[in-house]
Protein backbone atom coordinates (compact mmCIF):
# COMPACT_ATOMS: atom_id res chain seq x y z
CA MET A 1 8.97 13.55 -57.57
CA ASP A 2 10.92 14.49 -60.67
CA VAL A 3 11.95 18.01 -61.65
CA VAL A 4 9.33 18.34 -64.40
CA ARG A 5 6.46 17.68 -61.99
CA VAL A 6 7.89 20.12 -59.46
CA LEU A 7 8.27 22.86 -62.07
CA GLU A 8 4.79 22.16 -63.40
CA ALA A 9 3.38 22.46 -59.88
CA ALA A 10 5.08 25.84 -59.48
CA ALA A 11 3.91 27.02 -62.90
CA LEU A 12 0.32 26.16 -61.99
CA LEU A 13 0.56 28.55 -59.03
CA VAL A 14 1.35 31.58 -61.24
CA PRO A 15 -1.82 33.59 -61.88
CA GLU A 16 -2.85 34.25 -65.47
CA GLY A 17 -1.69 37.65 -66.64
CA VAL A 18 1.47 37.80 -64.50
CA ALA A 19 4.44 38.96 -66.55
CA ALA A 20 8.03 40.02 -65.89
CA ASP A 21 10.02 41.68 -68.68
CA ASP A 22 7.57 40.29 -71.27
CA ILE A 23 7.93 36.78 -69.83
CA THR A 24 4.74 34.89 -69.01
CA VAL A 25 3.95 31.45 -67.67
CA CYS A 26 3.30 30.40 -71.31
CA ASP A 27 7.04 30.81 -71.89
CA VAL A 28 7.69 28.50 -68.94
CA TRP A 29 5.40 25.84 -70.42
CA ASP A 30 7.22 26.11 -73.77
CA TYR A 31 10.59 25.50 -72.13
CA LEU A 32 9.21 22.62 -70.08
CA ALA A 33 7.86 21.01 -73.27
CA HIS A 34 11.40 21.15 -74.70
CA ASP A 35 13.08 19.78 -71.52
CA GLU A 36 14.79 23.13 -70.84
CA TRP A 37 14.36 22.80 -67.08
CA GLU A 38 17.02 25.28 -65.94
CA VAL A 39 15.57 27.95 -68.23
CA ALA A 40 12.05 27.21 -66.97
CA LEU A 41 13.28 27.50 -63.38
CA GLY A 42 14.96 30.83 -64.13
CA LEU A 43 11.81 32.18 -65.75
CA LEU A 44 9.69 31.10 -62.82
CA GLN A 45 12.08 32.87 -60.46
CA GLU A 46 11.69 36.05 -62.52
CA LEU A 47 7.91 35.67 -62.54
CA GLY A 48 8.02 35.42 -58.75
CA ASP A 49 8.82 39.14 -58.71
CA GLY A 50 5.69 39.96 -60.73
CA TRP A 51 3.12 38.89 -58.15
CA THR A 52 2.68 38.12 -54.48
CA ALA A 53 4.12 34.63 -54.68
CA PRO A 54 3.25 32.45 -51.66
CA THR A 55 5.78 30.43 -49.72
CA GLY A 56 4.60 27.25 -51.50
CA PHE A 57 5.67 28.67 -54.88
CA TRP A 58 9.20 29.29 -53.60
CA GLU A 59 9.29 25.88 -51.91
CA GLU A 60 8.49 24.19 -55.25
CA LEU A 61 11.24 26.18 -56.96
CA GLU A 62 13.65 25.32 -54.16
CA ARG A 63 12.89 21.61 -54.71
CA ALA A 64 13.39 21.95 -58.47
CA ALA A 65 16.73 23.73 -58.01
CA ALA A 66 17.87 21.00 -55.61
CA LEU A 67 16.90 18.29 -58.12
CA LEU A 68 18.87 20.15 -60.81
CA GLY A 69 21.90 20.54 -58.51
CA LEU A 70 21.73 24.35 -58.65
CA GLU A 71 22.82 25.24 -55.11
CA ARG A 72 22.78 29.06 -55.36
CA SER A 73 19.39 28.97 -57.05
CA ARG A 74 18.10 26.63 -54.34
CA GLU A 75 19.33 29.01 -51.64
CA TRP A 76 17.78 32.00 -53.46
CA CYS A 77 14.38 30.28 -53.57
CA ARG A 78 14.69 29.40 -49.88
CA TRP A 79 15.55 33.04 -49.16
CA ARG A 80 12.56 34.32 -51.14
CA GLY A 81 10.28 31.91 -49.29
CA ALA A 82 11.57 33.29 -45.99
CA GLU A 83 10.92 36.84 -47.21
CA THR A 84 7.26 35.99 -47.77
CA ARG A 85 7.08 35.03 -44.08
CA VAL A 86 9.15 37.88 -42.53
CA GLY A 87 9.16 40.70 -45.10
CA VAL A 88 11.68 42.25 -47.48
CA ILE A 89 14.44 44.63 -46.47
CA ARG A 90 16.70 45.88 -49.25
CA ALA A 91 19.64 48.21 -48.67
CA ASP A 92 22.69 49.69 -50.37
CA LEU A 93 25.65 48.34 -48.37
CA GLU A 94 29.14 49.83 -48.48
CA LEU A 95 31.88 47.88 -46.72
CA ARG A 96 34.81 49.72 -45.20
CA PRO A 97 38.17 49.21 -46.96
CA VAL A 98 40.79 46.70 -45.87
CA GLY A 99 42.77 48.11 -42.96
CA GLU A 100 39.86 50.05 -41.46
CA THR A 101 38.19 46.95 -39.98
CA PHE A 102 39.15 43.35 -39.30
CA ARG A 103 37.65 42.03 -42.58
CA ARG A 104 40.29 41.29 -45.22
CA THR A 105 38.21 39.02 -47.48
CA PRO A 106 34.94 39.50 -49.37
CA ILE A 107 31.69 38.61 -47.68
CA PRO A 108 29.88 35.71 -49.35
CA GLY A 109 26.86 36.78 -51.31
CA ALA A 110 24.43 33.89 -50.84
CA GLY A 111 23.04 34.64 -47.41
CA VAL A 112 25.52 32.79 -45.20
CA LEU A 113 26.92 35.82 -43.33
CA ARG A 114 24.89 36.67 -40.22
CA PRO A 115 26.39 39.87 -38.84
CA MET A 116 25.00 42.15 -36.17
CA TRP A 117 23.46 45.48 -37.16
CA ASP A 118 23.03 48.80 -35.39
CA ILE A 119 19.49 49.66 -36.49
CA GLY A 120 19.03 52.56 -34.08
CA SER A 121 17.80 50.64 -31.03
CA ARG A 122 19.40 51.52 -27.70
CA ARG A 123 19.81 49.61 -24.44
CA ASP A 124 18.95 51.11 -21.07
CA GLY A 125 22.47 52.52 -20.70
CA GLY A 126 22.32 54.22 -24.11
CA GLU A 127 24.67 51.84 -25.95
CA PRO A 128 23.53 50.36 -29.28
CA ASP A 129 21.32 47.26 -29.11
CA LEU A 130 22.63 45.20 -32.04
CA HIS A 131 20.41 42.80 -33.98
CA ILE A 132 21.29 39.88 -36.28
CA ALA A 133 20.32 39.67 -39.95
CA ARG A 134 21.61 37.50 -42.77
CA VAL A 135 22.95 39.27 -45.88
CA TRP A 136 22.25 38.35 -49.51
CA VAL A 137 24.31 40.35 -52.02
CA GLU A 138 22.18 41.01 -55.07
CA PHE A 139 23.69 40.41 -58.52
CA ALA A 140 27.08 39.19 -57.18
CA ASP A 141 28.64 36.14 -55.56
CA VAL A 142 30.64 38.24 -53.06
CA LEU A 143 31.10 41.81 -51.81
CA ALA A 144 34.72 42.86 -51.31
CA PRO A 145 35.94 45.28 -48.63
CA GLY A 146 35.75 48.88 -49.85
CA ARG A 147 32.97 48.04 -52.34
CA ARG A 148 29.23 48.65 -52.34
CA ALA A 149 26.25 46.70 -53.62
CA PRO A 150 22.53 46.31 -53.12
CA VAL A 151 21.76 43.67 -50.51
CA ARG A 152 18.76 41.97 -48.97
CA LEU A 153 18.59 41.47 -45.20
CA LEU A 154 16.78 38.67 -43.42
CA PRO A 155 16.48 39.55 -39.70
CA LEU A 156 16.57 36.93 -36.99
CA THR A 157 13.87 38.92 -35.14
CA PRO A 158 11.88 40.77 -37.85
CA ALA A 159 9.64 42.70 -35.41
CA ARG A 160 12.65 44.70 -34.18
CA TRP A 161 13.31 45.95 -37.73
CA ARG A 162 9.80 47.19 -38.57
CA HIS A 163 10.59 50.82 -37.72
CA LEU A 164 13.03 51.13 -40.64
CA VAL A 165 12.06 53.18 -43.70
CA PRO A 166 13.83 53.98 -46.96
CA GLY A 167 16.66 56.42 -46.34
CA ASP A 168 17.52 55.14 -42.85
CA ARG A 169 21.19 54.33 -42.32
CA ILE A 170 22.26 51.25 -40.38
CA ALA A 171 25.71 49.85 -39.55
CA LEU A 172 27.06 46.32 -40.05
CA HIS A 173 29.09 44.96 -37.12
CA GLU A 174 31.25 41.87 -37.07
CA THR A 175 33.33 43.38 -34.27
CA VAL A 176 32.98 46.49 -32.09
CA VAL A 177 34.06 48.65 -35.04
CA ALA A 178 31.41 49.00 -37.75
CA GLY A 179 32.49 47.14 -40.89
CA GLY A 180 30.08 48.89 -43.22
CA THR A 181 27.12 51.19 -43.57
CA ALA A 182 23.87 50.49 -45.36
CA THR A 183 21.14 52.84 -46.55
CA ILE A 184 17.68 51.27 -46.53
CA LEU A 185 16.17 51.17 -50.03
CA GLU A 186 12.97 49.22 -49.48
CA VAL A 187 10.97 47.74 -46.61
CA GLU A 188 7.99 45.51 -47.39
CA PRO A 189 5.89 43.70 -44.79
CA ALA A 190 5.51 39.94 -44.69
CA LEU A 191 3.13 38.58 -47.34
CA GLU A 192 1.86 35.70 -45.21
């Protein structure tokens, strides 16, 4: 299947009337007609925020990004597809500075880091019950120690995270010492 057919299949899934920043699916069709595939893919990704896009939509975009050799875009579409299945958790994460924790290098932004999180759960003895979630740094390739950025979290066990609400504070752990603190910005249930 070539990239044009994959992008067309995704565009056909977008309901009429969906728009994002004055972009509509008509704009996507115009770019496809002019062989501007990367632009069409980018527009479809933006349109994905304007409606309850099903997993199949994100899978088509993931295929298109792979065919175009756009690795970060492919991973983003895979991430968004996973969010439709498990829900969305967005937070404002601030990493502790170098010297206060073991981390000396930035964390990668494209969802490869899978740290443990103290989300308020306790074990029988009262100690924190840590849970794993991948981290996607929004709008940046990395997040350096001592810096802050909005992030998306993809829990390994989503049901354990359902109690979180905007304003809750959770702690990132890569070792016993917390490496950062995040304030929950948004929690949305799974779409599928």
